[in-house]
Amino acid sequence: MNLLSILKFEGDPTQSEGAIATSPGILGWVFTFLLAAAVIFVIYDMVRRIRRVRYRAEIIEEISEEEAAEEEARELARERAEREKNS
């Protein structure tokens, strides 16, 4: 067989001599099912990890806002104490 005879298409391949109609069968179905299950697992895991990172970022932001508010309150208390000393 040469390359041209392989690439040559003459009508329906299932109708040519010696051709056998095949399907992926059980093995193809099992492989497709396992691949779909793996994709679903990877997507689920990715969403879980992204959610965890987002929650951590929110908590860090809340903590930094609380620390900034506490620092501002301390600064105001110092300023009041200095004003009372000077008065």
N, C-alpha and C. Protein backbone atom coordinates (compact mmCIF):
# COMPACT_ATOMS: atom_id res chain seq x y z
N MET A 1 0.83 -1.17 0.00
CA MET A 1 0.00 0.00 0.00
C MET A 1 0.88 1.24 0.00
N ASN A 2 0.57 2.15 -0.85
CA ASN A 2 1.33 3.39 -0.85
C ASN A 2 0.49 4.51 -0.25
N LEU A 3 1.08 5.68 -0.11
CA LEU A 3 0.43 6.80 0.55
C LEU A 3 -0.83 7.24 -0.18
N LEU A 4 -0.81 7.23 -1.52
CA LEU A 4 -1.98 7.67 -2.27
C LEU A 4 -3.17 6.75 -2.07
N SER A 5 -2.92 5.48 -1.96
CA SER A 5 -4.05 4.57 -1.77
C SER A 5 -4.65 4.71 -0.37
N ILE A 6 -3.84 5.13 0.59
CA ILE A 6 -4.36 5.36 1.93
C ILE A 6 -5.20 6.63 1.96
N LEU A 7 -4.74 7.69 1.30
CA LEU A 7 -5.42 8.97 1.30
C LEU A 7 -6.61 9.01 0.35
N LYS A 8 -6.67 8.08 -0.59
CA LYS A 8 -7.73 8.07 -1.60
C LYS A 8 -9.06 7.70 -0.95
N PHE A 9 -10.08 8.48 -1.19
CA PHE A 9 -11.39 8.22 -0.62
C PHE A 9 -12.35 7.94 -1.76
N GLU A 10 -12.91 6.78 -1.73
CA GLU A 10 -13.86 6.41 -2.78
C GLU A 10 -15.16 5.98 -2.13
N GLY A 11 -16.07 6.91 -1.94
CA GLY A 11 -17.39 6.58 -1.41
C GLY A 11 -17.37 6.30 0.08
N ASP A 12 -18.36 5.55 0.51
CA ASP A 12 -18.54 5.21 1.91
C ASP A 12 -17.55 4.13 2.30
N PRO A 13 -16.72 4.34 3.32
CA PRO A 13 -15.72 3.33 3.69
C PRO A 13 -16.35 2.05 4.23
N THR A 14 -17.57 2.12 4.74
CA THR A 14 -18.20 0.91 5.26
C THR A 14 -18.68 0.01 4.13
N GLN A 15 -18.77 0.55 2.93
CA GLN A 15 -19.25 -0.23 1.79
C GLN A 15 -18.11 -0.85 0.98
N SER A 16 -16.88 -0.45 1.26
CA SER A 16 -15.77 -1.00 0.48
C SER A 16 -15.48 -2.43 0.91
N GLU A 17 -14.76 -3.14 0.08
CA GLU A 17 -14.46 -4.55 0.34
C GLU A 17 -13.57 -4.69 1.57
N GLY A 18 -13.90 -5.60 2.43
CA GLY A 18 -13.10 -5.89 3.59
C GLY A 18 -13.25 -4.91 4.74
N ALA A 19 -14.05 -3.88 4.55
CA ALA A 19 -14.23 -2.90 5.62
C ALA A 19 -15.19 -3.47 6.66
N ILE A 20 -14.87 -3.22 7.90
CA ILE A 20 -15.72 -3.67 8.99
C ILE A 20 -16.17 -2.44 9.76
N ALA A 21 -17.49 -2.34 9.98
CA ALA A 21 -18.01 -1.21 10.76
C ALA A 21 -17.66 -1.45 12.22
N THR A 22 -16.99 -0.48 12.82
CA THR A 22 -16.58 -0.63 14.22
C THR A 22 -17.10 0.56 15.03
N SER A 23 -17.17 0.36 16.30
CA SER A 23 -17.54 1.43 17.22
C SER A 23 -16.57 1.38 18.38
N PRO A 24 -16.54 2.42 19.18
CA PRO A 24 -15.61 2.40 20.31
C PRO A 24 -15.95 1.31 21.32
N GLY A 25 -17.18 0.91 21.38
CA GLY A 25 -17.57 -0.19 22.25
C GLY A 25 -17.52 0.16 23.73
N ILE A 26 -17.49 -0.87 24.55
CA ILE A 26 -17.49 -0.71 26.01
C ILE A 26 -16.23 0.02 26.47
N LEU A 27 -15.10 -0.35 25.92
CA LEU A 27 -13.85 0.28 26.33
C LEU A 27 -13.87 1.78 26.05
N GLY A 28 -14.39 2.18 24.91
CA GLY A 28 -14.49 3.61 24.59
C GLY A 28 -15.45 4.32 25.53
N TRP A 29 -16.56 3.68 25.88
CA TRP A 29 -17.51 4.28 26.80
C TRP A 29 -16.89 4.44 28.18
N VAL A 30 -16.19 3.42 28.64
CA VAL A 30 -15.56 3.48 29.96
C VAL A 30 -14.50 4.58 29.99
N PHE A 31 -13.69 4.67 28.94
CA PHE A 31 -12.67 5.71 28.88
C PHE A 31 -13.31 7.09 28.89
N THR A 32 -14.37 7.29 28.11
CA THR A 32 -15.05 8.58 28.07
C THR A 32 -15.65 8.92 29.43
N PHE A 33 -16.25 7.93 30.09
CA PHE A 33 -16.83 8.16 31.42
C PHE A 33 -15.74 8.55 32.42
N LEU A 34 -14.61 7.84 32.41
CA LEU A 34 -13.53 8.15 33.34
C LEU A 34 -12.94 9.53 33.06
N LEU A 35 -12.82 9.88 31.81
CA LEU A 35 -12.31 11.21 31.45
C LEU A 35 -13.27 12.29 31.93
N ALA A 36 -14.57 12.10 31.74
CA ALA A 36 -15.55 13.08 32.21
C ALA A 36 -15.52 13.18 33.74
N ALA A 37 -15.39 12.05 34.42
CA ALA A 37 -15.32 12.07 35.89
C ALA A 37 -14.07 12.82 36.35
N ALA A 38 -12.95 12.62 35.67
CA ALA A 38 -11.71 13.32 36.03
C ALA A 38 -11.87 14.82 35.82
N VAL A 39 -12.50 15.22 34.74
CA VAL A 39 -12.70 16.65 34.46
C VAL A 39 -13.59 17.26 35.54
N ILE A 40 -14.66 16.57 35.90
CA ILE A 40 -15.56 17.09 36.95
C ILE A 40 -14.80 17.22 38.27
N PHE A 41 -13.98 16.24 38.61
CA PHE A 41 -13.20 16.32 39.85
C PHE A 41 -12.23 17.49 39.82
N VAL A 42 -11.55 17.69 38.70
CA VAL A 42 -10.58 18.79 38.61
C VAL A 42 -11.28 20.14 38.73
N ILE A 43 -12.44 20.28 38.09
CA ILE A 43 -13.18 21.54 38.18
C ILE A 43 -13.65 21.78 39.61
N TYR A 44 -14.17 20.75 40.25
CA TYR A 44 -14.62 20.87 41.64
C TYR A 44 -13.47 21.27 42.55
N ASP A 45 -12.32 20.64 42.38
CA ASP A 45 -11.15 20.94 43.20
C ASP A 45 -10.67 22.37 42.96
N MET A 46 -10.68 22.81 41.70
CA MET A 46 -10.24 24.16 41.37
C MET A 46 -11.15 25.19 42.02
N VAL A 47 -12.47 24.97 41.95
CA VAL A 47 -13.42 25.91 42.54
C VAL A 47 -13.21 25.97 44.05
N ARG A 48 -12.96 24.83 44.68
CA ARG A 48 -12.74 24.79 46.12
C ARG A 48 -11.48 25.57 46.50
N ARG A 49 -10.42 25.41 45.73
CA ARG A 49 -9.17 26.12 46.03
C ARG A 49 -9.31 27.62 45.81
N ILE A 50 -10.01 28.02 44.75
CA ILE A 50 -10.21 29.44 44.48
C ILE A 50 -11.04 30.07 45.60
N ARG A 51 -12.08 29.36 46.06
CA ARG A 51 -12.91 29.86 47.15
C ARG A 51 -12.08 30.04 48.42
N ARG A 52 -11.20 29.08 48.70
CA ARG A 52 -10.36 29.15 49.89
C ARG A 52 -9.44 30.37 49.83
N VAL A 53 -8.84 30.61 48.67
CA VAL A 53 -7.95 31.75 48.51
C VAL A 53 -8.73 33.05 48.67
N ARG A 54 -9.93 33.12 48.11
CA ARG A 54 -10.74 34.32 48.22
C ARG A 54 -11.12 34.59 49.68
N TYR A 55 -11.51 33.55 50.41
CA TYR A 55 -11.85 33.74 51.83
C TYR A 55 -10.64 34.21 52.64
N ARG A 56 -9.48 33.65 52.35
CA ARG A 56 -8.27 34.08 53.07
C ARG A 56 -7.99 35.55 52.81
N ALA A 57 -8.14 35.98 51.55
CA ALA A 57 -7.90 37.38 51.20
C ALA A 57 -8.89 38.29 51.92
N GLU A 58 -10.16 37.86 52.00
CA GLU A 58 -11.16 38.67 52.71
C GLU A 58 -10.82 38.79 54.19
N ILE A 59 -10.39 37.70 54.80
CA ILE A 59 -10.04 37.72 56.23
C ILE A 59 -8.83 38.62 56.47
N ILE A 60 -7.83 38.52 55.62
CA ILE A 60 -6.64 39.37 55.76
C ILE A 60 -7.02 40.84 55.61
N GLU A 61 -7.91 41.14 54.68
CA GLU A 61 -8.36 42.53 54.49
C GLU A 61 -9.11 43.03 55.72
N GLU A 62 -9.99 42.19 56.29
CA GLU A 62 -10.72 42.60 57.49
C GLU A 62 -9.77 42.84 58.65
N ILE A 63 -8.79 41.97 58.82
CA ILE A 63 -7.82 42.14 59.91
C ILE A 63 -7.03 43.43 59.73
N SER A 64 -6.60 43.71 58.51
CA SER A 64 -5.82 44.94 58.29
C SER A 64 -6.69 46.17 58.51
N GLU A 65 -7.98 46.12 58.14
CA GLU A 65 -8.87 47.25 58.41
C GLU A 65 -9.05 47.46 59.91
N GLU A 66 -9.21 46.36 60.66
CA GLU A 66 -9.35 46.48 62.11
C GLU A 66 -8.08 47.06 62.74
N GLU A 67 -6.92 46.60 62.27
CA GLU A 67 -5.66 47.13 62.80
C GLU A 67 -5.52 48.61 62.48
N ALA A 68 -5.92 49.01 61.27
CA ALA A 68 -5.83 50.42 60.89
C ALA A 68 -6.77 51.26 61.75
N ALA A 69 -7.97 50.74 62.04
CA ALA A 69 -8.91 51.47 62.89
C ALA A 69 -8.37 51.59 64.31
N GLU A 70 -7.77 50.52 64.83
CA GLU A 70 -7.18 50.57 66.16
C GLU A 70 -6.03 51.58 66.22
N GLU A 71 -5.20 51.58 65.20
CA GLU A 71 -4.08 52.53 65.14
C GLU A 71 -4.58 53.96 65.09
N GLU A 72 -5.63 54.19 64.32
CA GLU A 72 -6.21 55.53 64.23
C GLU A 72 -6.80 55.94 65.58
N ALA A 73 -7.44 55.02 66.27
CA ALA A 73 -8.01 55.33 67.59
C ALA A 73 -6.89 55.66 68.58
N ARG A 74 -5.78 54.92 68.53
CA ARG A 74 -4.65 55.21 69.41
C ARG A 74 -4.07 56.58 69.12
N GLU A 75 -3.97 56.92 67.84
CA GLU A 75 -3.43 58.22 67.44
C GLU A 75 -4.33 59.35 67.94
N LEU A 76 -5.64 59.17 67.80
CA LEU A 76 -6.56 60.19 68.30
C LEU A 76 -6.47 60.33 69.81
N ALA A 77 -6.32 59.21 70.50
CA ALA A 77 -6.19 59.25 71.97
C ALA A 77 -4.91 59.99 72.37
N ARG A 78 -3.81 59.75 71.64
CA ARG A 78 -2.55 60.46 71.92
C ARG A 78 -2.72 61.96 71.71
N GLU A 79 -3.37 62.35 70.60
CA GLU A 79 -3.58 63.77 70.31
C GLU A 79 -4.43 64.43 71.39
N ARG A 80 -5.47 63.74 71.85
CA ARG A 80 -6.31 64.30 72.92
C ARG A 80 -5.51 64.46 74.20
N ALA A 81 -4.70 63.45 74.50
CA ALA A 81 -3.88 63.53 75.72
C ALA A 81 -2.91 64.69 75.64
N GLU A 82 -2.32 64.93 74.47
CA GLU A 82 -1.38 66.04 74.31
C GLU A 82 -2.11 67.38 74.44
N ARG A 83 -3.33 67.47 73.89
CA ARG A 83 -4.12 68.71 73.98
C ARG A 83 -4.48 69.01 75.45
N GLU A 84 -4.82 67.95 76.17
CA GLU A 84 -5.19 68.15 77.58
C GLU A 84 -3.98 68.58 78.40
N LYS A 85 -2.79 68.05 78.04
CA LYS A 85 -1.58 68.48 78.75
C LYS A 85 -1.26 69.93 78.48
N ASN A 86 -1.44 70.33 77.24
CA ASN A 86 -1.11 71.70 76.84
C ASN A 86 -2.15 72.70 77.33
N SER A 87 -3.32 72.27 77.60
CA SER A 87 -4.37 73.21 78.02
C SER A 87 -4.34 73.54 79.47
